[in-house]
Amino acid sequence: MVERDTQLIEQIQNNFISYFRLFAGLPSTTFVEGDATWFCNGPGDGPGNYILRTQFAGDRADQEIDRLLARIGEQAKYVDWMVFPTCRPADLRRRLEVRGISGHRAGTWMTAGLTQLPESPGVPHGFTIRWVQNDAELWVWKLAQDAGFGCDE
């Protein structure tokens, strides 16, 4: 992989992690950063359960994978493990497949250079952006996110 591509993928991964960091501290959520960076919302409504980055040393990777799956399993019935090229160990995908965790294409990652953006599109009169303040607004946000990403409940 070309160094520029590796840097771009790492930036995408960091942006993804930053997104989930926004949910840290909400009721029934766990966000952990370290050798494994992960987010768990358990069985409840919300953005889901994700392992976002792993940096496990090869000699202890199997134990760390099993420990992490067990810890998340205490809170949730499923987890999506995001395997980026920068994750370690380098053979993480194979180690997960041995445990019955299969990969799939969840979508197409696209990138855009942000140094020279096109003109901003117009917005409807009265359009605003604001922070979610309560559970009812979080539910509306979730419905909009699901519709935007083509998901269902």
Protein backbone atom coordinates (compact mmCIF):
# COMPACT_ATOMS: atom_id res chain seq x y z
CA MET A 1 0.00 0.00 0.00
CA VAL A 2 1.28 3.45 -0.92
CA GLU A 3 2.17 5.63 2.08
CA ARG A 4 -0.31 8.31 0.97
CA ASP A 5 -3.09 5.70 0.87
CA THR A 6 -2.11 4.46 4.33
CA GLN A 7 -2.26 8.00 5.70
CA LEU A 8 -5.65 8.60 4.09
CA ILE A 9 -7.07 5.35 5.52
CA GLU A 10 -5.70 6.25 8.94
CA GLN A 11 -7.39 9.66 8.70
CA ILE A 12 -10.69 7.97 7.83
CA GLN A 13 -10.28 5.64 10.80
CA ASN A 14 -9.48 8.58 13.12
CA ASN A 15 -12.56 10.45 11.89
CA PHE A 16 -14.68 7.36 12.55
CA ILE A 17 -13.27 7.13 16.07
CA SER A 18 -13.92 10.85 16.65
CA TYR A 19 -17.53 10.32 15.63
CA PHE A 20 -18.04 7.60 18.24
CA ARG A 21 -16.17 9.64 20.86
CA LEU A 22 -19.12 12.06 20.67
CA PHE A 23 -21.33 9.41 22.31
CA ALA A 24 -18.98 8.74 25.22
CA GLY A 25 -20.70 9.37 28.52
CA LEU A 26 -24.24 8.73 27.30
CA PRO A 27 -26.24 6.33 29.46
CA SER A 28 -25.63 2.64 28.68
CA THR A 29 -22.59 3.36 26.50
CA THR A 30 -18.96 2.40 26.85
CA PHE A 31 -16.16 4.05 24.88
CA VAL A 32 -12.62 2.77 25.44
CA GLU A 33 -9.38 3.97 23.86
CA GLY A 34 -6.15 2.04 24.21
CA ASP A 35 -4.65 -1.03 22.54
CA ALA A 36 -8.23 -1.55 21.43
CA THR A 37 -10.51 1.39 20.71
CA TRP A 38 -14.15 0.39 20.88
CA PHE A 39 -17.66 1.64 21.43
CA CYS A 40 -20.53 -0.36 22.87
CA ASN A 41 -24.13 0.71 23.18
CA GLY A 42 -25.30 -2.75 24.23
CA PRO A 43 -28.64 -4.04 23.09
CA GLY A 44 -30.28 -0.60 23.21
CA ASP A 45 -31.05 1.96 20.55
CA GLY A 46 -28.12 3.89 19.24
CA PRO A 47 -25.27 3.74 16.87
CA GLY A 48 -24.32 0.13 17.63
CA ASN A 49 -21.27 -1.75 18.88
CA TYR A 50 -17.93 -1.33 17.13
CA ILE A 51 -14.31 -2.25 17.57
CA LEU A 52 -12.68 0.65 15.76
CA ARG A 53 -8.95 0.03 16.12
CA THR A 54 -6.65 -2.61 17.53
CA GLN A 55 -2.94 -2.41 18.18
CA PHE A 56 -2.25 -5.83 19.67
CA ALA A 57 1.26 -7.25 19.76
CA GLY A 58 1.46 -10.48 17.79
CA ASP A 59 2.55 -12.61 20.74
CA ARG A 60 -0.50 -11.65 22.82
CA ALA A 61 -3.00 -10.90 20.06
CA ASP A 62 -5.09 -14.07 20.44
CA GLN A 63 -5.53 -13.53 24.19
CA GLU A 64 -6.40 -9.86 23.66
CA ILE A 65 -8.94 -10.69 20.93
CA ASP A 66 -10.65 -13.26 23.18
CA ARG A 67 -10.58 -10.90 26.18
CA LEU A 68 -12.09 -8.06 24.15
CA LEU A 69 -14.85 -10.23 22.69
CA ALA A 70 -15.70 -11.51 26.17
CA ARG A 71 -15.81 -7.99 27.63
CA ILE A 72 -18.08 -6.66 24.90
CA GLY A 73 -20.16 -9.84 25.13
CA GLU A 74 -21.05 -8.87 28.70
CA GLN A 75 -22.90 -5.83 27.29
CA ALA A 76 -24.00 -6.75 23.78
CA LYS A 77 -25.07 -9.63 21.57
CA TYR A 78 -23.10 -8.46 18.53
CA VAL A 79 -20.18 -6.29 17.54
CA ASP A 80 -18.92 -5.00 14.21
CA TRP A 81 -15.14 -5.28 14.10
CA MET A 82 -13.70 -2.67 11.75
CA VAL A 83 -10.46 -4.06 10.32
CA PHE A 84 -8.40 -1.28 8.80
CA PRO A 85 -5.00 -1.89 7.16
CA THR A 86 -3.38 -0.02 10.06
CA CYS A 87 -4.80 -2.44 12.67
CA ARG A 88 -2.41 -4.84 14.37
CA PRO A 89 -1.62 -7.64 14.26
CA ALA A 90 -1.25 -7.55 10.50
CA ASP A 91 -3.08 -10.90 10.23
CA LEU A 92 -6.04 -9.72 12.33
CA ARG A 93 -8.58 -10.66 9.64
CA ARG A 94 -7.36 -14.27 9.61
CA ARG A 95 -7.40 -14.46 13.41
CA LEU A 96 -11.00 -13.24 13.46
CA GLU A 97 -12.07 -15.65 10.72
CA VAL A 98 -10.66 -18.55 12.81
CA ARG A 99 -13.12 -17.45 15.52
CA GLY A 100 -16.04 -17.51 13.07
CA ILE A 101 -16.11 -13.75 12.50
CA SER A 102 -16.58 -13.22 8.79
CA GLY A 103 -15.91 -10.10 6.84
CA HIS A 104 -18.34 -8.34 4.56
CA ARG A 105 -18.51 -5.12 2.61
CA ALA A 106 -20.63 -2.74 4.62
CA GLY A 107 -20.36 -0.07 1.97
CA THR A 108 -17.95 1.85 -0.15
CA TRP A 109 -15.59 4.23 1.59
CA MET A 110 -15.16 7.39 -0.41
CA THR A 111 -12.84 10.30 0.14
CA ALA A 112 -12.80 13.88 -1.00
CA GLY A 113 -10.08 16.48 -0.83
CA LEU A 114 -11.22 19.27 1.45
CA THR A 115 -8.64 21.91 0.60
CA GLN A 116 -10.58 23.18 -2.43
CA LEU A 117 -14.28 22.67 -1.90
CA PRO A 118 -16.97 23.49 -4.43
CA GLU A 119 -19.50 26.21 -3.65
CA SER A 120 -21.68 25.33 -0.69
CA PRO A 121 -25.17 24.22 -1.66
CA GLY A 122 -28.04 26.39 -0.55
CA VAL A 123 -30.04 25.39 2.49
CA PRO A 124 -33.79 25.69 2.97
CA HIS A 125 -35.09 28.72 4.86
CA GLY A 126 -35.13 28.01 8.60
CA PHE A 127 -32.59 25.16 8.38
CA THR A 128 -30.58 24.81 11.59
CA ILE A 129 -28.09 22.43 13.11
CA ARG A 130 -28.10 21.90 16.85
CA TRP A 131 -26.97 19.40 19.49
CA VAL A 132 -29.34 16.62 20.51
CA GLN A 133 -30.67 17.50 23.97
CA ASN A 134 -32.85 14.55 25.03
CA ASP A 135 -33.98 11.01 24.24
CA ALA A 136 -36.79 12.14 21.92
CA GLU A 137 -34.37 14.19 19.82
CA LEU A 138 -31.87 11.30 19.82
CA TRP A 139 -34.60 9.07 18.39
CA VAL A 140 -35.29 11.59 15.59
CA TRP A 141 -31.53 11.74 14.88
CA LYS A 142 -31.38 7.92 14.76
CA LEU A 143 -34.26 7.75 12.27
CA ALA A 144 -32.56 10.35 10.06
CA GLN A 145 -29.23 8.49 10.28
CA ASP A 146 -30.90 5.17 9.42
CA ALA A 147 -32.66 6.75 6.42
CA GLY A 148 -29.47 8.46 5.28
CA PHE A 149 -27.43 5.27 5.42
CA GLY A 150 -30.20 3.09 3.99
CA CYS A 151 -30.64 1.10 7.19
CA ASP A 152 -33.73 -0.04 9.00
CA GLU A 153 -34.32 -0.51 12.71
